[in-house]
PDB file of all heavy atoms in Angstrom:
ATOM      1  N   VAL A   1       3.236   1.674   0.852  1.00  0.00           N
ATOM      2  CA  VAL A   1       3.349   0.342   1.460  1.00  0.00           C
ATOM      3  C   VAL A   1       3.366   0.488   2.980  1.00  0.00           C
ATOM      4  O   VAL A   1       4.004   1.379   3.531  1.00  0.00           O
ATOM      5  CB  VAL A   1       4.629  -0.363   0.977  1.00  0.00           C
ATOM      6  CG1 VAL A   1       4.828  -1.697   1.711  1.00  0.00           C
ATOM      7  CG2 VAL A   1       4.590  -0.615  -0.520  1.00  0.00           C
ATOM      8  N   ASP A   2       2.643  -0.400   3.649  1.00  0.00           N
ATOM      9  CA  ASP A   2       2.629  -0.458   5.111  1.00  0.00           C
ATOM     10  C   ASP A   2       3.745  -1.409   5.531  1.00  0.00           C
ATOM     11  O   ASP A   2       3.644  -2.635   5.351  1.00  0.00           O
ATOM     12  CB  ASP A   2       1.262  -0.980   5.567  1.00  0.00           C
ATOM     13  CG  ASP A   2       1.116  -1.025   7.082  1.00  0.00           C
ATOM     14  OD1 ASP A   2       2.114  -0.741   7.787  1.00  0.00           O
ATOM     15  OD2 ASP A   2       0.009  -1.344   7.549  1.00  0.00           O
ATOM     16  N   VAL A   3       4.844  -0.875   6.063  1.00  0.00           N
ATOM     17  CA  VAL A   3       6.012  -1.675   6.449  1.00  0.00           C
ATOM     18  C   VAL A   3       5.951  -1.926   7.951  1.00  0.00           C
ATOM     19  O   VAL A   3       6.029  -0.994   8.745  1.00  0.00           O
ATOM     20  CB  VAL A   3       7.328  -0.975   6.065  1.00  0.00           C
ATOM     21  CG1 VAL A   3       8.523  -1.852   6.452  1.00  0.00           C
ATOM     22  CG2 VAL A   3       7.351  -0.641   4.575  1.00  0.00           C
ATOM     23  N   ARG A   4       5.829  -3.196   8.333  1.00  0.00           N
ATOM     24  CA  ARG A   4       5.746  -3.558   9.747  1.00  0.00           C
ATOM     25  C   ARG A   4       6.944  -4.447  10.107  1.00  0.00           C
ATOM     26  O   ARG A   4       7.009  -5.605   9.699  1.00  0.00           O
ATOM     27  CB  ARG A   4       4.441  -4.289  10.034  1.00  0.00           C
ATOM     28  CG  ARG A   4       3.210  -3.469   9.632  1.00  0.00           C
ATOM     29  CD  ARG A   4       1.965  -3.983  10.262  1.00  0.00           C
ATOM     30  NE  ARG A   4       0.810  -3.216   9.821  1.00  0.00           N
ATOM     31  CZ  ARG A   4      -0.360  -3.225  10.466  1.00  0.00           C
ATOM     32  NH1 ARG A   4      -0.510  -3.948  11.561  1.00  0.00           N
ATOM     33  NH2 ARG A   4      -1.371  -2.522  10.002  1.00  0.00           N
ATOM     34  N   CYS A   5       7.874  -3.868  10.858  1.00  0.00           N
ATOM     35  CA  CYS A   5       9.084  -4.588  11.239  1.00  0.00           C
ATOM     36  C   CYS A   5       9.060  -4.926  12.729  1.00  0.00           C
ATOM     37  O   CYS A   5       8.275  -4.376  13.493  1.00  0.00           O
ATOM     38  CB  CYS A   5      10.313  -3.756  10.905  1.00  0.00           C
ATOM     39  SG  CYS A   5      10.579  -3.575   9.115  1.00  0.00           S
ATOM     40  N   GLY A   6       9.927  -5.867  13.116  1.00  0.00           N
ATOM     41  CA  GLY A   6       9.976  -6.296  14.502  1.00  0.00           C
ATOM     42  C   GLY A   6       8.813  -7.164  14.902  1.00  0.00           C
ATOM     43  O   GLY A   6       8.508  -7.305  16.086  1.00  0.00           O
ATOM     44  N   VAL A   7       8.153  -7.765  13.928  1.00  0.00           N
ATOM     45  CA  VAL A   7       7.002  -8.610  14.204  1.00  0.00           C
ATOM     46  C   VAL A   7       6.991  -9.758  13.200  1.00  0.00           C
ATOM     47  O   VAL A   7       7.433  -9.600  12.063  1.00  0.00           O
ATOM     48  CB  VAL A   7       5.684  -7.796  14.135  1.00  0.00           C
ATOM     49  CG1 VAL A   7       5.413  -7.288  12.734  1.00  0.00           C
ATOM     50  CG2 VAL A   7       4.509  -8.608  14.651  1.00  0.00           C
ATOM     51  N   GLY A   8       6.502 -10.915  13.658  1.00  0.00           N
ATOM     52  CA  GLY A   8       6.436 -12.076  12.777  1.00  0.00           C
ATOM     53  C   GLY A   8       5.017 -12.457  12.432  1.00  0.00           C
ATOM     54  O   GLY A   8       4.076 -11.741  12.783  1.00  0.00           O
ATOM     55  N   VAL A   9       4.870 -13.570  11.756  1.00  0.00           N
ATOM     56  CA  VAL A   9       3.552 -14.086  11.378  1.00  0.00           C
ATOM     57  C   VAL A   9       3.248 -15.318  12.207  1.00  0.00           C
ATOM     58  O   VAL A   9       4.047 -16.264  12.265  1.00  0.00           O
ATOM     59  CB  VAL A   9       3.507 -14.431   9.878  1.00  0.00           C
ATOM     60  CG1 VAL A   9       2.204 -15.135   9.526  1.00  0.00           C
ATOM     61  CG2 VAL A   9       3.655 -13.164   9.053  1.00  0.00           C
ATOM     62  N   ALA A  10       2.091 -15.315  12.864  1.00  0.00           N
ATOM     63  CA  ALA A  10       1.683 -16.444  13.686  1.00  0.00           C
ATOM     64  C   ALA A  10       0.930 -17.488  12.890  1.00  0.00           C
ATOM     65  O   ALA A  10       1.141 -18.689  13.050  1.00  0.00           O
ATOM     66  CB  ALA A  10       0.833 -15.964  14.861  1.00  0.00           C
ATOM     67  N   SER A  11       0.057 -17.014  11.972  1.00  0.00           N
ATOM     68  CA  SER A  11      -0.758 -17.964  11.208  1.00  0.00           C
ATOM     69  C   SER A  11      -1.437 -17.259  10.054  1.00  0.00           C
ATOM     70  O   SER A  11      -1.454 -16.022   9.972  1.00  0.00           O
ATOM     71  CB  SER A  11      -1.826 -18.603  12.107  1.00  0.00           C
ATOM     72  OG  SER A  11      -2.738 -17.602  12.592  1.00  0.00           O
ATOM     73  N   VAL A  12      -1.965 -18.056   9.150  1.00  0.00           N
ATOM     74  CA  VAL A  12      -2.837 -17.548   8.091  1.00  0.00           C
ATOM     75  C   VAL A  12      -4.129 -18.344   8.151  1.00  0.00           C
ATOM     76  O   VAL A  12      -4.139 -19.479   8.635  1.00  0.00           O
ATOM     77  CB  VAL A  12      -2.200 -17.679   6.692  1.00  0.00           C
ATOM     78  CG1 VAL A  12      -0.957 -16.822   6.568  1.00  0.00           C
ATOM     79  CG2 VAL A  12      -1.904 -19.127   6.351  1.00  0.00           C
ATOM     80  N   ALA A  13      -5.192 -17.751   7.655  1.00  0.00           N
ATOM     81  CA  ALA A  13      -6.492 -18.411   7.737  1.00  0.00           C
ATOM     82  C   ALA A  13      -7.329 -18.081   6.511  1.00  0.00           C
ATOM     83  O   ALA A  13      -7.115 -17.067   5.838  1.00  0.00           O
ATOM     84  CB  ALA A  13      -7.214 -18.019   9.013  1.00  0.00           C
ATOM     85  N   GLY A  14      -8.313 -18.921   6.251  1.00  0.00           N
ATOM     86  CA  GLY A  14      -9.219 -18.703   5.153  1.00  0.00           C
ATOM     87  C   GLY A  14      -9.993 -19.973   4.859  1.00  0.00           C
ATOM     88  O   GLY A  14      -9.673 -21.051   5.375  1.00  0.00           O
ATOM     89  N   THR A  15     -10.999 -19.852   4.028  1.00  0.00           N
ATOM     90  CA  THR A  15     -11.792 -21.006   3.609  1.00  0.00           C
ATOM     91  C   THR A  15     -11.515 -21.263   2.137  1.00  0.00           C
ATOM     92  O   THR A  15     -12.042 -20.559   1.268  1.00  0.00           O
ATOM     93  CB  THR A  15     -13.298 -20.747   3.840  1.00  0.00           C
ATOM     94  OG1 THR A  15     -13.517 -20.416   5.209  1.00  0.00           O
ATOM     95  CG2 THR A  15     -14.108 -21.985   3.465  1.00  0.00           C
ATOM     96  N   GLY A  16     -10.640 -22.216   1.873  1.00  0.00           N
ATOM     97  CA  GLY A  16     -10.274 -22.526   0.491  1.00  0.00           C
ATOM     98  C   GLY A  16      -9.219 -21.598  -0.062  1.00  0.00           C
ATOM     99  O   GLY A  16      -8.330 -22.014  -0.792  1.00  0.00           O
ATOM    100  N   LYS A  17      -9.306 -20.328   0.293  1.00  0.00           N
ATOM    101  CA  LYS A  17      -8.327 -19.341  -0.155  1.00  0.00           C
ATOM    102  C   LYS A  17      -7.925 -18.476   1.030  1.00  0.00           C
ATOM    103  O   LYS A  17      -8.683 -18.335   1.999  1.00  0.00           O
ATOM    104  CB  LYS A  17      -8.871 -18.477  -1.276  1.00  0.00           C
ATOM    105  CG  LYS A  17     -10.104 -17.673  -0.881  1.00  0.00           C
ATOM    106  CD  LYS A  17     -10.626 -16.847  -2.065  1.00  0.00           C
ATOM    107  CE  LYS A  17     -11.842 -16.036  -1.646  1.00  0.00           C
ATOM    108  NZ  LYS A  17     -12.357 -15.208  -2.778  1.00  0.00           N
ATOM    109  N   VAL A  18      -6.747 -17.906   0.952  1.00  0.00           N
ATOM    110  CA  VAL A  18      -6.265 -17.096   2.078  1.00  0.00           C
ATOM    111  C   VAL A  18      -7.118 -15.840   2.238  1.00  0.00           C
ATOM    112  O   VAL A  18      -7.500 -15.202   1.256  1.00  0.00           O
ATOM    113  CB  VAL A  18      -4.779 -16.754   1.885  1.00  0.00           C
ATOM    114  CG1 VAL A  18      -4.556 -15.783   0.732  1.00  0.00           C
ATOM    115  CG2 VAL A  18      -4.191 -16.171   3.171  1.00  0.00           C
ATOM    116  N   GLU A  19      -7.459 -15.519   3.475  1.00  0.00           N
ATOM    117  CA  GLU A  19      -8.280 -14.344   3.753  1.00  0.00           C
ATOM    118  C   GLU A  19      -7.689 -13.461   4.855  1.00  0.00           C
ATOM    119  O   GLU A  19      -7.984 -12.266   4.916  1.00  0.00           O
ATOM    120  CB  GLU A  19      -9.688 -14.792   4.179  1.00  0.00           C
ATOM    121  CG  GLU A  19     -10.437 -15.557   3.082  1.00  0.00           C
ATOM    122  CD  GLU A  19     -11.703 -16.213   3.604  1.00  0.00           C
ATOM    123  OE1 GLU A  19     -11.981 -16.101   4.825  1.00  0.00           O
ATOM    124  OE2 GLU A  19     -12.406 -16.857   2.803  1.00  0.00           O
ATOM    125  N   LYS A  20      -6.847 -14.043   5.694  1.00  0.00           N
ATOM    126  CA  LYS A  20      -6.380 -13.308   6.867  1.00  0.00           C
ATOM    127  C   LYS A  20      -4.986 -13.782   7.263  1.00  0.00           C
ATOM    128  O   LYS A  20      -4.655 -14.955   7.152  1.00  0.00           O
ATOM    129  CB  LYS A  20      -7.361 -13.524   8.032  1.00  0.00           C
ATOM    130  CG  LYS A  20      -7.188 -12.560   9.195  1.00  0.00           C
ATOM    131  CD  LYS A  20      -8.256 -12.796  10.239  1.00  0.00           C
ATOM    132  CE  LYS A  20      -9.665 -12.568   9.734  1.00  0.00           C
ATOM    133  NZ  LYS A  20      -9.892 -11.139   9.402  1.00  0.00           N
ATOM    134  N   VAL A  21      -4.170 -12.815   7.708  1.00  0.00           N
ATOM    135  CA  VAL A  21      -2.852 -13.114   8.271  1.00  0.00           C
ATOM    136  C   VAL A  21      -2.840 -12.596   9.700  1.00  0.00           C
ATOM    137  O   VAL A  21      -3.156 -11.421   9.946  1.00  0.00           O
ATOM    138  CB  VAL A  21      -1.727 -12.441   7.453  1.00  0.00           C
ATOM    139  CG1 VAL A  21      -0.369 -12.674   8.111  1.00  0.00           C
ATOM    140  CG2 VAL A  21      -1.718 -12.957   6.026  1.00  0.00           C
ATOM    141  N   VAL A  22      -2.472 -13.470  10.640  1.00  0.00           N
ATOM    142  CA  VAL A  22      -2.402 -13.089  12.047  1.00  0.00           C
ATOM    143  C   VAL A  22      -0.932 -12.929  12.430  1.00  0.00           C
ATOM    144  O   VAL A  22      -0.138 -13.845  12.255  1.00  0.00           O
ATOM    145  CB  VAL A  22      -3.064 -14.131  12.945  1.00  0.00           C
ATOM    146  CG1 VAL A  22      -3.013 -13.681  14.412  1.00  0.00           C
ATOM    147  CG2 VAL A  22      -4.513 -14.373  12.524  1.00  0.00           C
ATOM    148  N   LEU A  23      -0.571 -11.746  12.926  1.00  0.00           N
ATOM    149  CA  LEU A  23       0.807 -11.474  13.305  1.00  0.00           C
ATOM    150  C   LEU A  23       1.096 -11.952  14.717  1.00  0.00           C
ATOM    151  O   LEU A  23       0.177 -12.242  15.496  1.00  0.00           O
ATOM    152  CB  LEU A  23       1.085  -9.976  13.173  1.00  0.00           C
ATOM    153  CG  LEU A  23       0.815  -9.352  11.798  1.00  0.00           C
ATOM    154  CD1 LEU A  23       1.285  -7.901  11.788  1.00  0.00           C
ATOM    155  CD2 LEU A  23       1.474 -10.144  10.684  1.00  0.00           C
ATOM    156  N   SER A  24       2.373 -12.017  15.045  1.00  0.00           N
ATOM    157  CA  SER A  24       2.781 -12.525  16.358  1.00  0.00           C
ATOM    158  C   SER A  24       2.342 -11.614  17.504  1.00  0.00           C
ATOM    159  O   SER A  24       2.274 -12.049  18.644  1.00  0.00           O
ATOM    160  CB  SER A  24       4.292 -12.710  16.398  1.00  0.00           C
ATOM    161  OG  SER A  24       4.966 -11.496  16.076  1.00  0.00           O
ATOM    162  N   ASP A  25       2.017 -10.357  17.194  1.00  0.00           N
ATOM    163  CA  ASP A  25       1.512  -9.442  18.235  1.00  0.00           C
ATOM    164  C   ASP A  25       0.009  -9.441  18.321  1.00  0.00           C
ATOM    165  O   ASP A  25      -0.584  -8.625  19.035  1.00  0.00           O
ATOM    166  CB  ASP A  25       2.046  -8.011  17.991  1.00  0.00           C
ATOM    167  CG  ASP A  25       1.535  -7.419  16.684  1.00  0.00           C
ATOM    168  OD1 ASP A  25       0.740  -8.061  15.972  1.00  0.00           O
ATOM    169  OD2 ASP A  25       1.967  -6.291  16.353  1.00  0.00           O
ATOM    170  N   GLY A  26      -0.648 -10.350  17.586  1.00  0.00           N
ATOM    171  CA  GLY A  26      -2.102 -10.471  17.617  1.00  0.00           C
ATOM    172  C   GLY A  26      -2.832  -9.681  16.552  1.00  0.00           C
ATOM    173  O   GLY A  26      -4.037  -9.855  16.365  1.00  0.00           O
ATOM    174  N   THR A  27      -2.137  -8.799  15.844  1.00  0.00           N
ATOM    175  CA  THR A  27      -2.772  -8.019  14.782  1.00  0.00           C
ATOM    176  C   THR A  27      -3.275  -8.937  13.673  1.00  0.00           C
ATOM    177  O   THR A  27      -2.598  -9.891  13.273  1.00  0.00           O
ATOM    178  CB  THR A  27      -1.782  -7.010  14.179  1.00  0.00           C
ATOM    179  OG1 THR A  27      -1.279  -6.170  15.220  1.00  0.00           O
ATOM    180  CG2 THR A  27      -2.454  -6.167  13.098  1.00  0.00           C
ATOM    181  N   GLU A  28      -4.475  -8.640  13.155  1.00  0.00           N
ATOM    182  CA  GLU A  28      -5.030  -9.408  12.039  1.00  0.00           C
ATOM    183  C   GLU A  28      -5.052  -8.525  10.793  1.00  0.00           C
ATOM    184  O   GLU A  28      -5.521  -7.378  10.838  1.00  0.00           O
ATOM    185  CB  GLU A  28      -6.430  -9.895  12.364  1.00  0.00           C
ATOM    186  CG  GLU A  28      -6.473 -10.912  13.503  1.00  0.00           C
ATOM    187  CD  GLU A  28      -7.852 -11.524  13.695  1.00  0.00           C
ATOM    188  OE1 GLU A  28      -8.798 -11.128  12.967  1.00  0.00           O
ATOM    189  OE2 GLU A  28      -7.994 -12.408  14.569  1.00  0.00           O
ATOM    190  N   LEU A  29      -4.523  -9.048   9.703  1.00  0.00           N
ATOM    191  CA  LEU A  29      -4.484  -8.332   8.435  1.00  0.00           C
ATOM    192  C   LEU A  29      -5.340  -9.070   7.396  1.00  0.00           C
ATOM    193  O   LEU A  29      -5.162 -10.275   7.187  1.00  0.00           O
ATOM    194  CB  LEU A  29      -3.046  -8.238   7.914  1.00  0.00           C
ATOM    195  CG  LEU A  29      -2.005  -7.582   8.826  1.00  0.00           C
ATOM    196  CD1 LEU A  29      -0.614  -7.740   8.219  1.00  0.00           C
ATOM    197  CD2 LEU A  29      -2.336  -6.108   9.047  1.00  0.00           C
ATOM    198  N   ASP A  30      -6.243  -8.341   6.742  1.00  0.00           N
ATOM    199  CA  ASP A  30      -6.973  -8.936   5.639  1.00  0.00           C
ATOM    200  C   ASP A  30      -6.023  -9.111   4.450  1.00  0.00           C
ATOM    201  O   ASP A  30      -5.171  -8.245   4.184  1.00  0.00           O
ATOM    202  CB  ASP A  30      -8.143  -8.032   5.235  1.00  0.00           C
ATOM    203  CG  ASP A  30      -9.224  -7.978   6.304  1.00  0.00           C
ATOM    204  OD1 ASP A  30      -9.344  -8.949   7.058  1.00  0.00           O
ATOM    205  OD2 ASP A  30      -9.920  -6.939   6.381  1.00  0.00           O
ATOM    206  N   ALA A  31      -6.170 -10.212   3.718  1.00  0.00           N
ATOM    207  CA  ALA A  31      -5.266 -10.478   2.599  1.00  0.00           C
ATOM    208  C   ALA A  31      -5.946 -11.318   1.543  1.00  0.00           C
ATOM    209  O   ALA A  31      -6.610 -12.310   1.861  1.00  0.00           O
ATOM    210  CB  ALA A  31      -4.010 -11.183   3.079  1.00  0.00           C
ATOM    211  N   ASP A  32      -5.814 -10.897   0.289  1.00  0.00           N
ATOM    212  CA  ASP A  32      -6.268 -11.710  -0.840  1.00  0.00           C
ATOM    213  C   ASP A  32      -5.130 -12.566  -1.387  1.00  0.00           C
ATOM    214  O   ASP A  32      -5.361 -13.579  -2.045  1.00  0.00           O
ATOM    215  CB  ASP A  32      -6.769 -10.803  -1.985  1.00  0.00           C
ATOM    216  CG  ASP A  32      -7.833  -9.845  -1.508  1.00  0.00           C
ATOM    217  OD1 ASP A  32      -8.846 -10.313  -0.961  1.00  0.00           O
ATOM    218  OD2 ASP A  32      -7.655  -8.613  -1.676  1.00  0.00           O
ATOM    219  N   VAL A  33      -3.908 -12.131  -1.138  1.00  0.00           N
ATOM    220  CA  VAL A  33      -2.741 -12.872  -1.600  1.00  0.00           C
ATOM    221  C   VAL A  33      -1.629 -12.690  -0.562  1.00  0.00           C
ATOM    222  O   VAL A  33      -1.471 -11.616   0.025  1.00  0.00           O
ATOM    223  CB  VAL A  33      -2.277 -12.402  -2.999  1.00  0.00           C
ATOM    224  CG1 VAL A  33      -1.901 -10.931  -2.998  1.00  0.00           C
ATOM    225  CG2 VAL A  33      -1.131 -13.247  -3.514  1.00  0.00           C
ATOM    226  N   VAL A  34      -0.880 -13.755  -0.329  1.00  0.00           N
ATOM    227  CA  VAL A  34       0.248 -13.751   0.597  1.00  0.00           C
ATOM    228  C   VAL A  34       1.464 -14.278  -0.159  1.00  0.00           C
ATOM    229  O   VAL A  34       1.402 -15.355  -0.762  1.00  0.00           O
ATOM    230  CB  VAL A  34      -0.017 -14.628   1.843  1.00  0.00           C
ATOM    231  CG1 VAL A  34       1.247 -14.762   2.688  1.00  0.00           C
ATOM    232  CG2 VAL A  34      -1.158 -14.051   2.665  1.00  0.00           C
ATOM    233  N   VAL A  35       2.544 -13.523  -0.119  1.00  0.00           N
ATOM    234  CA  VAL A  35       3.785 -13.951  -0.764  1.00  0.00           C
ATOM    235  C   VAL A  35       4.819 -14.215   0.310  1.00  0.00           C
ATOM    236  O   VAL A  35       5.118 -13.352   1.130  1.00  0.00           O
ATOM    237  CB  VAL A  35       4.306 -12.896  -1.753  1.00  0.00           C
ATOM    238  CG1 VAL A  35       5.586 -13.400  -2.439  1.00  0.00           C
ATOM    239  CG2 VAL A  35       3.248 -12.551  -2.800  1.00  0.00           C
ATOM    240  N   VAL A  36       5.350 -15.437   0.317  1.00  0.00           N
ATOM    241  CA  VAL A  36       6.356 -15.837   1.281  1.00  0.00           C
ATOM    242  C   VAL A  36       7.739 -15.605   0.673  1.00  0.00           C
ATOM    243  O   VAL A  36       8.103 -16.241  -0.317  1.00  0.00           O
ATOM    244  CB  VAL A  36       6.188 -17.309   1.701  1.00  0.00           C
ATOM    245  CG1 VAL A  36       7.270 -17.719   2.698  1.00  0.00           C
ATOM    246  CG2 VAL A  36       4.797 -17.541   2.284  1.00  0.00           C
ATOM    247  N   GLY A  37       8.483 -14.683   1.267  1.00  0.00           N
ATOM    248  CA  GLY A  37       9.820 -14.374   0.779  1.00  0.00           C
ATOM    249  C   GLY A  37      10.803 -14.413   1.928  1.00  0.00           C
ATOM    250  O   GLY A  37      11.390 -13.388   2.292  1.00  0.00           O
ATOM    251  N   ILE A  38      10.996 -15.581   2.510  1.00  0.00           N
ATOM    252  CA  ILE A  38      11.802 -15.707   3.738  1.00  0.00           C
ATOM    253  C   ILE A  38      13.160 -16.344   3.459  1.00  0.00           C
ATOM    254  O   ILE A  38      13.813 -16.856   4.369  1.00  0.00           O
ATOM    255  CB  ILE A  38      11.046 -16.521   4.790  1.00  0.00           C
ATOM    256  CG1 ILE A  38      10.665 -17.912   4.263  1.00  0.00           C
ATOM    257  CG2 ILE A  38       9.810 -15.759   5.254  1.00  0.00           C
ATOM    258  CD1 ILE A  38      10.096 -18.828   5.339  1.00  0.00           C
TER     259      ILE A  38
END
């Protein structure tokens, strides 16, 4: 597992389905599924 701490999520994006998660530091992560556990 890639554990990234000390950073938040700025936004998610996609067309109809989620495709990308943008972190608060500008990093973009490809994603087929996003689970919100806050």
